[in-house]
Amino acid sequence: MIPSVAPTRPNAPGIEQQPFQDTLLSILPRPEEVQWEEIPWQTDLWDARRLASQVGKPIFAWMMNGSVLGCT
């Protein structure tokens, strides 16, 4: 879920709170954009195969080689 938006220093010099809050809310993902986080991802292929077989669903495999940040 999206964390609560609360400034740590409410009277920080040079930062007007409402424009800051508007900007922050405009860059945070909306609830419908993070529904993928509700998927019970599996990190073990054999466990994923067993679970997929039990519930009758396909496996989506996301594999890569190198840094998880794409910095290879």
N, C-alpha and C. Protein backbone atom coordinates (compact mmCIF):
# COMPACT_ATOMS: atom_id res chain seq x y z
N MET A 1 0.83 -1.18 0.00
CA MET A 1 0.00 0.00 0.00
C MET A 1 0.88 1.25 0.00
N ILE A 2 0.29 2.35 -0.34
CA ILE A 2 1.01 3.61 -0.38
C ILE A 2 1.15 4.15 1.04
N PRO A 3 2.38 4.51 1.42
CA PRO A 3 2.57 5.02 2.78
C PRO A 3 1.88 6.37 2.95
N SER A 4 1.55 6.65 4.19
CA SER A 4 0.94 7.94 4.51
C SER A 4 1.94 9.05 4.20
N VAL A 5 1.46 10.12 3.62
CA VAL A 5 2.32 11.24 3.24
C VAL A 5 2.30 12.26 4.35
N ALA A 6 3.41 12.37 5.07
CA ALA A 6 3.51 13.35 6.14
C ALA A 6 4.92 13.90 6.15
N PRO A 7 5.07 15.21 6.05
CA PRO A 7 6.40 15.79 6.06
C PRO A 7 7.05 15.60 7.42
N THR A 8 8.35 15.40 7.43
CA THR A 8 9.06 15.23 8.70
C THR A 8 9.33 16.57 9.37
N ARG A 9 9.46 17.63 8.56
CA ARG A 9 9.67 18.98 9.09
C ARG A 9 8.58 19.88 8.52
N PRO A 10 7.46 20.05 9.21
CA PRO A 10 6.35 20.80 8.64
C PRO A 10 6.67 22.25 8.30
N ASN A 11 7.64 22.85 8.94
CA ASN A 11 7.97 24.25 8.68
C ASN A 11 9.36 24.39 8.07
N ALA A 12 9.74 23.47 7.22
CA ALA A 12 11.05 23.53 6.59
C ALA A 12 11.16 24.80 5.75
N PRO A 13 12.24 25.56 5.90
CA PRO A 13 12.36 26.80 5.14
C PRO A 13 12.47 26.53 3.64
N GLY A 14 11.78 27.34 2.85
CA GLY A 14 11.87 27.24 1.40
C GLY A 14 10.95 26.22 0.77
N ILE A 15 10.19 25.49 1.57
CA ILE A 15 9.28 24.48 1.03
C ILE A 15 7.86 24.84 1.44
N GLU A 16 7.04 25.16 0.47
CA GLU A 16 5.63 25.41 0.74
C GLU A 16 4.92 24.06 0.75
N GLN A 17 4.18 23.79 1.80
CA GLN A 17 3.63 22.46 2.01
C GLN A 17 2.64 22.02 0.95
N GLN A 18 1.71 22.87 0.55
CA GLN A 18 0.69 22.42 -0.41
C GLN A 18 1.30 22.07 -1.77
N PRO A 19 2.17 22.91 -2.35
CA PRO A 19 2.79 22.49 -3.62
C PRO A 19 3.63 21.22 -3.47
N PHE A 20 4.27 21.08 -2.33
CA PHE A 20 5.06 19.86 -2.08
C PHE A 20 4.14 18.64 -2.05
N GLN A 21 3.04 18.74 -1.30
CA GLN A 21 2.10 17.62 -1.20
C GLN A 21 1.51 17.29 -2.58
N ASP A 22 1.16 18.31 -3.36
CA ASP A 22 0.61 18.10 -4.70
C ASP A 22 1.61 17.37 -5.59
N THR A 23 2.86 17.81 -5.53
CA THR A 23 3.91 17.17 -6.33
C THR A 23 4.12 15.73 -5.89
N LEU A 24 4.19 15.52 -4.58
CA LEU A 24 4.40 14.17 -4.06
C LEU A 24 3.26 13.24 -4.47
N LEU A 25 2.03 13.71 -4.34
CA LEU A 25 0.89 12.87 -4.72
C LEU A 25 0.84 12.61 -6.22
N SER A 26 1.39 13.52 -7.01
CA SER A 26 1.37 13.31 -8.46
C SER A 26 2.40 12.27 -8.92
N ILE A 27 3.43 12.02 -8.11
CA ILE A 27 4.44 11.03 -8.52
C ILE A 27 4.28 9.68 -7.84
N LEU A 28 3.50 9.63 -6.76
CA LEU A 28 3.25 8.34 -6.12
C LEU A 28 2.31 7.51 -6.99
N PRO A 29 2.51 6.19 -7.04
CA PRO A 29 1.61 5.37 -7.85
C PRO A 29 0.20 5.34 -7.26
N ARG A 30 -0.79 5.28 -8.15
CA ARG A 30 -2.18 5.16 -7.72
C ARG A 30 -2.45 3.69 -7.33
N PRO A 31 -3.46 3.44 -6.51
CA PRO A 31 -3.73 2.06 -6.07
C PRO A 31 -3.87 1.07 -7.22
N GLU A 32 -4.50 1.48 -8.33
CA GLU A 32 -4.66 0.55 -9.45
C GLU A 32 -3.33 0.26 -10.16
N GLU A 33 -2.32 1.07 -9.91
CA GLU A 33 -1.02 0.85 -10.53
C GLU A 33 -0.12 -0.10 -9.73
N VAL A 34 -0.52 -0.44 -8.53
CA VAL A 34 0.30 -1.32 -7.70
C VAL A 34 -0.41 -2.64 -7.36
N GLN A 35 -1.43 -2.98 -8.16
CA GLN A 35 -2.15 -4.23 -7.91
C GLN A 35 -1.25 -5.45 -8.07
N TRP A 36 -0.20 -5.32 -8.88
CA TRP A 36 0.72 -6.44 -9.08
C TRP A 36 1.40 -6.85 -7.78
N GLU A 37 1.46 -5.94 -6.79
CA GLU A 37 2.09 -6.27 -5.52
C GLU A 37 1.27 -7.30 -4.73
N GLU A 38 0.01 -7.49 -5.10
CA GLU A 38 -0.85 -8.45 -4.41
C GLU A 38 -0.67 -9.87 -4.93
N ILE A 39 0.07 -10.04 -6.01
CA ILE A 39 0.31 -11.37 -6.58
C ILE A 39 1.25 -12.13 -5.64
N PRO A 40 0.91 -13.37 -5.29
CA PRO A 40 1.80 -14.15 -4.42
C PRO A 40 3.00 -14.69 -5.21
N TRP A 41 3.98 -13.81 -5.48
CA TRP A 41 5.16 -14.20 -6.25
C TRP A 41 5.92 -15.32 -5.56
N GLN A 42 6.47 -16.21 -6.36
CA GLN A 42 7.26 -17.32 -5.86
C GLN A 42 8.71 -17.12 -6.29
N THR A 43 9.64 -17.46 -5.44
CA THR A 43 11.06 -17.34 -5.80
C THR A 43 11.69 -18.69 -6.09
N ASP A 44 10.96 -19.75 -5.86
CA ASP A 44 11.46 -21.10 -6.12
C ASP A 44 10.65 -21.70 -7.27
N LEU A 45 11.32 -22.08 -8.35
CA LEU A 45 10.64 -22.59 -9.53
C LEU A 45 9.82 -23.83 -9.23
N TRP A 46 10.36 -24.76 -8.47
CA TRP A 46 9.63 -26.01 -8.19
C TRP A 46 8.39 -25.75 -7.36
N ASP A 47 8.50 -24.85 -6.38
CA ASP A 47 7.31 -24.48 -5.60
C ASP A 47 6.27 -23.80 -6.49
N ALA A 48 6.73 -22.96 -7.41
CA ALA A 48 5.82 -22.28 -8.33
C ALA A 48 5.12 -23.28 -9.24
N ARG A 49 5.85 -24.28 -9.73
CA ARG A 49 5.24 -25.30 -10.59
C ARG A 49 4.19 -26.11 -9.83
N ARG A 50 4.50 -26.46 -8.59
CA ARG A 50 3.55 -27.22 -7.78
C ARG A 50 2.29 -26.40 -7.53
N LEU A 51 2.46 -25.14 -7.15
CA LEU A 51 1.32 -24.27 -6.87
C LEU A 51 0.49 -24.03 -8.13
N ALA A 52 1.16 -23.78 -9.25
CA ALA A 52 0.44 -23.54 -10.51
C ALA A 52 -0.37 -24.77 -10.91
N SER A 53 0.20 -25.94 -10.69
CA SER A 53 -0.50 -27.19 -11.01
C SER A 53 -1.74 -27.35 -10.12
N GLN A 54 -1.61 -27.01 -8.86
CA GLN A 54 -2.71 -27.16 -7.91
C GLN A 54 -3.88 -26.23 -8.24
N VAL A 55 -3.58 -25.00 -8.63
CA VAL A 55 -4.64 -24.04 -8.87
C VAL A 55 -5.02 -23.92 -10.35
N GLY A 56 -4.31 -24.63 -11.23
CA GLY A 56 -4.64 -24.63 -12.64
C GLY A 56 -4.33 -23.32 -13.35
N LYS A 57 -3.24 -22.68 -12.97
CA LYS A 57 -2.86 -21.42 -13.60
C LYS A 57 -1.46 -21.54 -14.20
N PRO A 58 -1.18 -20.71 -15.21
CA PRO A 58 0.14 -20.76 -15.83
C PRO A 58 1.20 -20.08 -14.96
N ILE A 59 2.44 -20.29 -15.32
CA ILE A 59 3.56 -19.65 -14.63
C ILE A 59 4.06 -18.50 -15.50
N PHE A 60 4.28 -17.36 -14.89
CA PHE A 60 4.94 -16.24 -15.55
C PHE A 60 6.35 -16.21 -14.98
N ALA A 61 7.34 -16.46 -15.81
CA ALA A 61 8.73 -16.49 -15.35
C ALA A 61 9.45 -15.22 -15.78
N TRP A 62 10.01 -14.54 -14.82
CA TRP A 62 10.77 -13.31 -15.07
C TRP A 62 12.21 -13.61 -14.70
N MET A 63 13.05 -13.75 -15.71
CA MET A 63 14.45 -14.11 -15.49
C MET A 63 15.35 -13.07 -16.11
N MET A 64 16.53 -12.92 -15.52
CA MET A 64 17.49 -11.97 -16.08
C MET A 64 18.89 -12.39 -15.69
N ASN A 65 19.82 -11.78 -16.37
CA ASN A 65 21.22 -12.02 -16.10
C ASN A 65 21.87 -10.68 -15.81
N GLY A 66 22.46 -10.55 -14.66
CA GLY A 66 23.12 -9.29 -14.31
C GLY A 66 22.45 -8.61 -13.14
N SER A 67 22.67 -7.32 -13.04
CA SER A 67 22.16 -6.53 -11.94
C SER A 67 20.65 -6.41 -12.01
N VAL A 68 19.99 -6.47 -10.84
CA VAL A 68 18.55 -6.31 -10.81
C VAL A 68 18.14 -4.88 -11.17
N LEU A 69 19.09 -3.96 -11.14
CA LEU A 69 18.81 -2.58 -11.50
C LEU A 69 19.07 -2.32 -12.98
N GLY A 70 19.49 -3.34 -13.71
CA GLY A 70 19.75 -3.19 -15.13
C GLY A 70 21.06 -2.50 -15.42
N CYS A 71 21.96 -2.50 -14.46
CA CYS A 71 23.25 -1.81 -14.60
C CYS A 71 24.34 -2.81 -14.97
N THR A 72 24.19 -3.49 -16.10
CA THR A 72 25.21 -4.48 -16.48
C THR A 72 26.08 -3.95 -17.58
